Amino acid sequence: MFWEQVESTRQALEDLPISAKVVLMSANGKALLMRKDSGIFDLPGGKVESGEDLFGALKREVKEETGLKVKKVEFISSWVKHHPTLGDRLVLVFHGQLKKHSDDIILQLSSEHNWGEFKGPKGTFKIKDIPPGYANALHICFARYGKP
């Protein structure tokens, strides 16, 4: 019975649209946080198109939304995001390390976002509307890659 449940769960996940996001960390341990024009909290990344390579899609989305290049990413967390009108989506969150300090990074935000800023853990968790899945990924990244 257990293995039948595992198989059905795996099949259900394979059929979901995928959204790939990344916690971009600066060399001085700050994470890039963003807001969409609608005011919703966001991380760089977005939908993986049908047939598109996951990592290629993530790099494309980051470049489009921030003007930044991320070369190497590491998986951090995942969850299924439920949306009443858009449907369910599998969200995969990765860590990406940038070589520059946050003060030296120039963001080129796309028209999709109206705010983006690098923040450390204290500044990040003062933001009260971070969705739980993103908050968890940010906690993991600050614990693993952040500077004290």
N, C-alpha and C. Protein backbone atom coordinates (compact mmCIF):
# COMPACT_ATOMS: atom_id res chain seq x y z
N MET A 1 0.82 -1.20 0.00
CA MET A 1 0.00 0.00 0.00
C MET A 1 0.86 1.26 0.00
N PHE A 2 1.91 1.28 0.84
CA PHE A 2 2.78 2.45 0.92
C PHE A 2 3.37 2.79 -0.45
N TRP A 3 3.89 1.76 -1.16
CA TRP A 3 4.53 2.02 -2.44
C TRP A 3 3.53 2.49 -3.49
N GLU A 4 2.28 2.05 -3.39
CA GLU A 4 1.25 2.55 -4.29
C GLU A 4 1.00 4.04 -4.05
N GLN A 5 1.03 4.45 -2.78
CA GLN A 5 0.86 5.87 -2.44
C GLN A 5 2.03 6.69 -2.97
N VAL A 6 3.24 6.17 -2.81
CA VAL A 6 4.43 6.86 -3.30
C VAL A 6 4.33 7.06 -4.81
N GLU A 7 3.94 6.00 -5.52
CA GLU A 7 3.82 6.06 -6.98
C GLU A 7 2.75 7.07 -7.40
N SER A 8 1.60 7.08 -6.74
CA SER A 8 0.53 8.01 -7.12
C SER A 8 0.94 9.45 -6.80
N THR A 9 1.65 9.66 -5.72
CA THR A 9 2.12 11.00 -5.37
C THR A 9 3.14 11.48 -6.41
N ARG A 10 4.08 10.61 -6.76
CA ARG A 10 5.09 10.96 -7.76
C ARG A 10 4.43 11.34 -9.09
N GLN A 11 3.44 10.57 -9.51
CA GLN A 11 2.74 10.85 -10.76
C GLN A 11 2.01 12.19 -10.69
N ALA A 12 1.37 12.47 -9.56
CA ALA A 12 0.66 13.74 -9.40
C ALA A 12 1.63 14.91 -9.49
N LEU A 13 2.80 14.78 -8.88
CA LEU A 13 3.79 15.86 -8.92
C LEU A 13 4.35 16.06 -10.33
N GLU A 14 4.54 14.97 -11.06
CA GLU A 14 5.06 15.07 -12.43
C GLU A 14 4.12 15.82 -13.35
N ASP A 15 2.83 15.81 -13.04
CA ASP A 15 1.84 16.45 -13.89
C ASP A 15 1.63 17.93 -13.57
N LEU A 16 2.21 18.42 -12.47
CA LEU A 16 2.02 19.82 -12.08
C LEU A 16 2.92 20.77 -12.86
N PRO A 17 2.44 21.98 -13.15
CA PRO A 17 3.34 23.00 -13.69
C PRO A 17 4.41 23.30 -12.64
N ILE A 18 5.60 23.71 -13.09
CA ILE A 18 6.71 23.97 -12.17
C ILE A 18 7.08 25.45 -12.19
N SER A 19 7.30 25.97 -11.00
CA SER A 19 7.83 27.32 -10.83
C SER A 19 9.18 27.17 -10.14
N ALA A 20 10.25 27.67 -10.75
CA ALA A 20 11.60 27.59 -10.19
C ALA A 20 11.99 28.97 -9.66
N LYS A 21 12.36 29.03 -8.41
CA LYS A 21 12.75 30.28 -7.75
C LYS A 21 14.14 30.11 -7.17
N VAL A 22 14.80 31.24 -6.89
CA VAL A 22 16.14 31.18 -6.33
C VAL A 22 16.32 32.24 -5.25
N VAL A 23 16.96 31.83 -4.16
CA VAL A 23 17.41 32.78 -3.14
C VAL A 23 18.80 33.19 -3.57
N LEU A 24 18.92 34.40 -4.12
CA LEU A 24 20.22 34.92 -4.54
C LEU A 24 20.89 35.56 -3.34
N MET A 25 22.06 35.02 -2.97
CA MET A 25 22.80 35.52 -1.82
C MET A 25 24.02 36.30 -2.31
N SER A 26 24.21 37.48 -1.75
CA SER A 26 25.39 38.28 -2.07
C SER A 26 26.60 37.73 -1.31
N ALA A 27 27.78 38.20 -1.66
CA ALA A 27 29.00 37.75 -1.00
C ALA A 27 29.02 38.11 0.48
N ASN A 28 28.27 39.14 0.87
CA ASN A 28 28.21 39.51 2.28
C ASN A 28 26.97 38.95 2.97
N GLY A 29 26.37 37.89 2.42
CA GLY A 29 25.33 37.14 3.11
C GLY A 29 23.95 37.75 3.13
N LYS A 30 23.62 38.58 2.15
CA LYS A 30 22.28 39.15 2.07
C LYS A 30 21.52 38.50 0.92
N ALA A 31 20.21 38.37 1.08
CA ALA A 31 19.35 37.73 0.08
C ALA A 31 18.56 38.78 -0.70
N LEU A 32 18.37 38.54 -1.99
CA LEU A 32 17.57 39.44 -2.81
C LEU A 32 16.09 39.14 -2.61
N LEU A 33 15.37 40.13 -2.13
CA LEU A 33 13.93 40.05 -1.93
C LEU A 33 13.27 40.97 -2.93
N MET A 34 12.08 40.61 -3.40
CA MET A 34 11.41 41.40 -4.43
C MET A 34 9.91 41.49 -4.14
N ARG A 35 9.29 42.45 -4.80
CA ARG A 35 7.82 42.58 -4.77
C ARG A 35 7.35 42.76 -6.21
N LYS A 36 6.27 42.04 -6.50
CA LYS A 36 5.62 42.20 -7.80
C LYS A 36 4.87 43.53 -7.82
N ASP A 37 4.49 43.98 -8.99
CA ASP A 37 3.71 45.22 -9.10
C ASP A 37 2.43 45.15 -8.29
N SER A 38 1.90 43.95 -8.11
CA SER A 38 0.67 43.77 -7.33
C SER A 38 0.91 43.87 -5.83
N GLY A 39 2.19 43.98 -5.41
CA GLY A 39 2.52 44.08 -4.00
C GLY A 39 2.89 42.75 -3.36
N ILE A 40 2.76 41.67 -4.10
CA ILE A 40 3.04 40.34 -3.56
C ILE A 40 4.55 40.12 -3.44
N PHE A 41 4.96 39.56 -2.30
CA PHE A 41 6.37 39.21 -2.07
C PHE A 41 6.81 38.17 -3.10
N ASP A 42 8.08 38.25 -3.53
CA ASP A 42 8.56 37.33 -4.55
C ASP A 42 10.06 37.11 -4.42
N LEU A 43 10.51 36.01 -5.01
CA LEU A 43 11.92 35.73 -5.22
C LEU A 43 12.12 35.65 -6.73
N PRO A 44 13.35 35.88 -7.20
CA PRO A 44 13.59 35.77 -8.64
C PRO A 44 13.29 34.36 -9.15
N GLY A 45 12.78 34.29 -10.36
CA GLY A 45 12.47 33.02 -10.99
C GLY A 45 11.06 33.03 -11.53
N GLY A 46 10.62 31.88 -12.03
CA GLY A 46 9.27 31.82 -12.56
C GLY A 46 8.96 30.49 -13.17
N LYS A 47 7.98 30.49 -14.04
CA LYS A 47 7.43 29.27 -14.63
C LYS A 47 8.44 28.63 -15.59
N VAL A 48 8.53 27.31 -15.47
CA VAL A 48 9.31 26.52 -16.41
C VAL A 48 8.37 26.12 -17.54
N GLU A 49 8.68 26.56 -18.74
CA GLU A 49 7.82 26.27 -19.89
C GLU A 49 7.92 24.79 -20.28
N SER A 50 6.88 24.28 -20.90
CA SER A 50 6.85 22.89 -21.32
C SER A 50 8.05 22.58 -22.22
N GLY A 51 8.79 21.54 -21.88
CA GLY A 51 9.95 21.14 -22.67
C GLY A 51 11.22 21.92 -22.36
N GLU A 52 11.13 22.92 -21.51
CA GLU A 52 12.29 23.75 -21.18
C GLU A 52 13.11 23.10 -20.07
N ASP A 53 14.42 23.21 -20.16
CA ASP A 53 15.31 22.72 -19.12
C ASP A 53 15.10 23.53 -17.85
N LEU A 54 14.98 22.86 -16.71
CA LEU A 54 14.72 23.52 -15.43
C LEU A 54 15.75 24.60 -15.12
N PHE A 55 17.03 24.26 -15.22
CA PHE A 55 18.08 25.21 -14.87
C PHE A 55 18.20 26.32 -15.90
N GLY A 56 17.96 25.99 -17.15
CA GLY A 56 17.94 27.02 -18.19
C GLY A 56 16.82 28.01 -17.95
N ALA A 57 15.65 27.50 -17.56
CA ALA A 57 14.51 28.37 -17.26
C ALA A 57 14.81 29.28 -16.07
N LEU A 58 15.41 28.72 -15.04
CA LEU A 58 15.73 29.50 -13.85
C LEU A 58 16.71 30.62 -14.19
N LYS A 59 17.75 30.30 -14.92
CA LYS A 59 18.74 31.31 -15.31
C LYS A 59 18.11 32.38 -16.19
N ARG A 60 17.24 31.96 -17.11
CA ARG A 60 16.54 32.91 -18.00
C ARG A 60 15.68 33.86 -17.19
N GLU A 61 14.88 33.31 -16.27
CA GLU A 61 13.98 34.13 -15.45
C GLU A 61 14.76 35.12 -14.58
N VAL A 62 15.85 34.66 -13.98
CA VAL A 62 16.66 35.55 -13.13
C VAL A 62 17.22 36.70 -13.97
N LYS A 63 17.72 36.40 -15.14
CA LYS A 63 18.28 37.44 -16.02
C LYS A 63 17.19 38.42 -16.43
N GLU A 64 16.01 37.91 -16.81
CA GLU A 64 14.91 38.77 -17.23
C GLU A 64 14.42 39.68 -16.10
N GLU A 65 14.33 39.13 -14.88
CA GLU A 65 13.72 39.87 -13.77
C GLU A 65 14.68 40.78 -13.02
N THR A 66 15.99 40.46 -13.07
CA THR A 66 16.95 41.22 -12.25
C THR A 66 18.12 41.79 -13.02
N GLY A 67 18.38 41.27 -14.22
CA GLY A 67 19.56 41.66 -14.97
C GLY A 67 20.81 40.94 -14.50
N LEU A 68 20.66 40.02 -13.54
CA LEU A 68 21.81 39.31 -12.97
C LEU A 68 21.96 37.92 -13.59
N LYS A 69 23.21 37.43 -13.58
CA LYS A 69 23.48 36.08 -14.06
C LYS A 69 23.79 35.20 -12.86
N VAL A 70 23.13 34.07 -12.82
CA VAL A 70 23.44 33.07 -11.80
C VAL A 70 23.97 31.85 -12.54
N LYS A 71 25.14 31.37 -12.12
CA LYS A 71 25.78 30.28 -12.85
C LYS A 71 25.49 28.92 -12.24
N LYS A 72 25.56 28.82 -10.94
CA LYS A 72 25.43 27.54 -10.27
C LYS A 72 24.38 27.65 -9.19
N VAL A 73 23.46 26.69 -9.15
CA VAL A 73 22.41 26.71 -8.14
C VAL A 73 22.39 25.37 -7.41
N GLU A 74 21.88 25.41 -6.18
CA GLU A 74 21.75 24.21 -5.35
C GLU A 74 20.32 24.15 -4.83
N PHE A 75 19.70 22.97 -4.92
CA PHE A 75 18.33 22.79 -4.46
C PHE A 75 18.24 23.04 -2.96
N ILE A 76 17.17 23.76 -2.55
CA ILE A 76 16.94 24.08 -1.13
C ILE A 76 15.64 23.45 -0.63
N SER A 77 14.53 23.71 -1.30
CA SER A 77 13.25 23.21 -0.80
C SER A 77 12.20 23.18 -1.91
N SER A 78 11.05 22.56 -1.59
CA SER A 78 9.95 22.52 -2.55
C SER A 78 8.64 22.39 -1.79
N TRP A 79 7.58 22.75 -2.46
CA TRP A 79 6.23 22.57 -1.92
C TRP A 79 5.24 22.74 -3.07
N VAL A 80 4.00 22.34 -2.81
CA VAL A 80 2.94 22.54 -3.79
C VAL A 80 2.16 23.78 -3.37
N LYS A 81 2.13 24.74 -4.27
CA LYS A 81 1.39 25.99 -4.02
C LYS A 81 -0.02 25.79 -4.57
N HIS A 82 -0.99 26.01 -3.71
CA HIS A 82 -2.40 25.88 -4.12
C HIS A 82 -2.95 27.27 -4.43
N HIS A 83 -3.61 27.39 -5.57
CA HIS A 83 -4.22 28.65 -5.97
C HIS A 83 -5.63 28.35 -6.48
N PRO A 84 -6.64 29.04 -5.94
CA PRO A 84 -8.03 28.70 -6.30
C PRO A 84 -8.38 28.90 -7.77
N THR A 85 -7.75 29.86 -8.44
CA THR A 85 -8.10 30.09 -9.85
C THR A 85 -7.02 29.62 -10.82
N LEU A 86 -5.75 29.73 -10.43
CA LEU A 86 -4.67 29.33 -11.33
C LEU A 86 -4.34 27.85 -11.24
N GLY A 87 -4.79 27.21 -10.17
CA GLY A 87 -4.50 25.79 -9.98
C GLY A 87 -3.22 25.57 -9.19
N ASP A 88 -2.91 24.32 -8.96
CA ASP A 88 -1.72 23.97 -8.18
C ASP A 88 -0.47 24.08 -9.03
N ARG A 89 0.65 24.30 -8.34
CA ARG A 89 1.95 24.44 -9.00
C ARG A 89 3.01 23.90 -8.05
N LEU A 90 3.99 23.18 -8.59
CA LEU A 90 5.12 22.71 -7.82
C LEU A 90 6.17 23.82 -7.80
N VAL A 91 6.51 24.30 -6.61
CA VAL A 91 7.51 25.36 -6.46
C VAL A 91 8.82 24.73 -5.99
N LEU A 92 9.87 24.94 -6.76
CA LEU A 92 11.21 24.46 -6.42
C LEU A 92 12.07 25.69 -6.12
N VAL A 93 12.73 25.69 -4.97
CA VAL A 93 13.57 26.83 -4.60
C VAL A 93 15.02 26.38 -4.51
N PHE A 94 15.88 27.20 -5.09
CA PHE A 94 17.31 26.92 -5.14
C PHE A 94 18.08 28.05 -4.46
N HIS A 95 19.33 27.80 -4.17
CA HIS A 95 20.25 28.84 -3.68
C HIS A 95 21.19 29.17 -4.82
N GLY A 96 21.45 30.47 -5.00
CA GLY A 96 22.45 30.92 -5.97
C GLY A 96 23.37 31.92 -5.29
N GLN A 97 24.66 31.72 -5.44
CA GLN A 97 25.64 32.59 -4.78
C GLN A 97 26.20 33.59 -5.78
N LEU A 98 26.16 34.87 -5.39
CA LEU A 98 26.76 35.92 -6.21
C LEU A 98 28.13 36.27 -5.64
N LYS A 99 29.04 36.74 -6.49
CA LYS A 99 30.40 37.02 -6.05
C LYS A 99 30.57 38.40 -5.45
N LYS A 100 29.64 39.31 -5.74
CA LYS A 100 29.77 40.69 -5.27
C LYS A 100 29.02 40.91 -3.96
N HIS A 101 29.45 41.94 -3.23
CA HIS A 101 28.72 42.39 -2.05
C HIS A 101 27.45 43.09 -2.51
N SER A 102 26.44 43.08 -1.67
CA SER A 102 25.13 43.63 -2.04
C SER A 102 25.21 45.09 -2.48
N ASP A 103 26.08 45.89 -1.85
CA ASP A 103 26.19 47.31 -2.22
C ASP A 103 26.78 47.51 -3.61
N ASP A 104 27.44 46.50 -4.14
CA ASP A 104 28.09 46.61 -5.45
C ASP A 104 27.25 46.00 -6.59
N ILE A 105 26.08 45.49 -6.26
CA ILE A 105 25.24 44.83 -7.26
C ILE A 105 24.20 45.82 -7.79
N ILE A 106 24.13 45.93 -9.09
CA ILE A 106 23.15 46.81 -9.73
C ILE A 106 22.00 45.95 -10.27
N LEU A 107 20.81 46.18 -9.74
CA LEU A 107 19.63 45.46 -10.19
C LEU A 107 18.98 46.18 -11.36
N GLN A 108 18.49 45.42 -12.31
CA GLN A 108 17.72 45.94 -13.42
C GLN A 108 16.38 45.20 -13.40
N LEU A 109 15.47 45.70 -12.58
CA LEU A 109 14.19 45.02 -12.40
C LEU A 109 13.34 45.08 -13.67
N SER A 110 12.66 43.99 -13.94
CA SER A 110 11.75 43.94 -15.08
C SER A 110 10.48 44.70 -14.71
N SER A 111 9.59 44.82 -15.67
CA SER A 111 8.32 45.51 -15.42
C SER A 111 7.41 44.70 -14.51
N GLU A 112 7.75 43.46 -14.25
CA GLU A 112 6.95 42.59 -13.39
C GLU A 112 7.11 42.94 -11.91
N HIS A 113 8.24 43.56 -11.56
CA HIS A 113 8.54 43.89 -10.16
C HIS A 113 8.76 45.39 -10.00
N ASN A 114 8.33 45.91 -8.85
CA ASN A 114 8.55 47.34 -8.59
C ASN A 114 9.51 47.59 -7.43
N TRP A 115 9.99 46.51 -6.80
CA TRP A 115 10.92 46.66 -5.69
C TRP A 115 11.82 45.43 -5.60
N GLY A 116 13.09 45.66 -5.35
CA GLY A 116 14.05 44.59 -5.11
C GLY A 116 15.16 45.13 -4.25
N GLU A 117 15.52 44.38 -3.24
CA GLU A 117 16.56 44.84 -2.31
C GLU A 117 17.22 43.64 -1.63
N PHE A 118 18.53 43.76 -1.39
CA PHE A 118 19.24 42.73 -0.65
C PHE A 118 19.10 43.03 0.83
N LYS A 119 18.72 42.01 1.60
CA LYS A 119 18.54 42.18 3.04
C LYS A 119 19.14 40.99 3.78
N GLY A 120 19.64 41.27 4.97
CA GLY A 120 20.13 40.22 5.86
C GLY A 120 18.95 39.60 6.59
N PRO A 121 19.22 38.65 7.49
CA PRO A 121 18.14 37.96 8.19
C PRO A 121 17.23 38.90 8.99
N LYS A 122 17.81 39.86 9.70
CA LYS A 122 16.98 40.76 10.53
C LYS A 122 16.02 41.57 9.65
N GLY A 123 16.53 42.14 8.58
CA GLY A 123 15.68 42.93 7.68
C GLY A 123 14.67 42.07 6.96
N THR A 124 15.06 40.86 6.60
CA THR A 124 14.17 39.95 5.88
C THR A 124 12.96 39.58 6.73
N PHE A 125 13.21 39.17 7.96
CA PHE A 125 12.11 38.64 8.75
C PHE A 125 11.32 39.70 9.49
N LYS A 126 11.63 40.97 9.21
CA LYS A 126 10.73 42.06 9.63
C LYS A 126 9.56 42.15 8.65
N ILE A 127 9.74 41.59 7.46
CA ILE A 127 8.69 41.58 6.45
C ILE A 127 7.68 40.51 6.86
N LYS A 128 6.46 40.92 7.10
CA LYS A 128 5.45 40.02 7.70
C LYS A 128 4.66 39.19 6.69
N ASP A 129 4.74 39.52 5.40
CA ASP A 129 3.90 38.80 4.44
C ASP A 129 4.69 37.84 3.54
N ILE A 130 5.85 37.37 4.02
CA ILE A 130 6.59 36.38 3.24
C ILE A 130 5.85 35.05 3.33
N PRO A 131 5.49 34.46 2.19
CA PRO A 131 4.81 33.17 2.23
C PRO A 131 5.66 32.12 2.96
N PRO A 132 5.03 31.20 3.68
CA PRO A 132 5.77 30.23 4.50
C PRO A 132 6.83 29.43 3.74
N GLY A 133 6.54 29.02 2.52
CA GLY A 133 7.52 28.25 1.74
C GLY A 133 8.77 29.06 1.45
N TYR A 134 8.60 30.33 1.08
CA TYR A 134 9.75 31.21 0.84
C TYR A 134 10.49 31.50 2.14
N ALA A 135 9.74 31.71 3.24
CA ALA A 135 10.37 31.98 4.53
C ALA A 135 11.25 30.80 4.94
N ASN A 136 10.76 29.59 4.72
CA ASN A 136 11.54 28.40 5.05
C ASN A 136 12.83 28.35 4.22
N ALA A 137 12.73 28.59 2.92
CA ALA A 137 13.91 28.58 2.05
C ALA A 137 14.90 29.67 2.47
N LEU A 138 14.40 30.84 2.84
CA LEU A 138 15.28 31.92 3.29
C LEU A 138 15.98 31.55 4.59
N HIS A 139 15.26 30.95 5.53
CA HIS A 139 15.88 30.48 6.78
C HIS A 139 17.02 29.51 6.48
N ILE A 140 16.76 28.57 5.59
CA ILE A 140 17.79 27.58 5.24
C ILE A 140 19.01 28.27 4.64
N CYS A 141 18.79 29.19 3.72
CA CYS A 141 19.90 29.87 3.05
C CYS A 141 20.69 30.74 4.03
N PHE A 142 20.02 31.46 4.89
CA PHE A 142 20.75 32.27 5.86
C PHE A 142 21.57 31.39 6.80
N ALA A 143 21.01 30.24 7.21
CA ALA A 143 21.73 29.34 8.11
C ALA A 143 22.95 28.72 7.42
N ARG A 144 22.80 28.38 6.13
CA ARG A 144 23.90 27.71 5.41
C ARG A 144 24.91 28.67 4.81
N TYR A 145 24.41 29.79 4.26
CA TYR A 145 25.27 30.62 3.42
C TYR A 145 25.42 32.05 3.91
N GLY A 146 24.63 32.46 4.88
CA GLY A 146 24.68 33.84 5.35
C GLY A 146 25.90 34.10 6.19
N LYS A 147 26.26 35.35 6.28
CA LYS A 147 27.38 35.77 7.12
C LYS A 147 26.80 36.25 8.45
N PRO A 148 27.48 35.92 9.56
CA PRO A 148 26.97 36.39 10.87
C PRO A 148 27.02 37.89 11.02
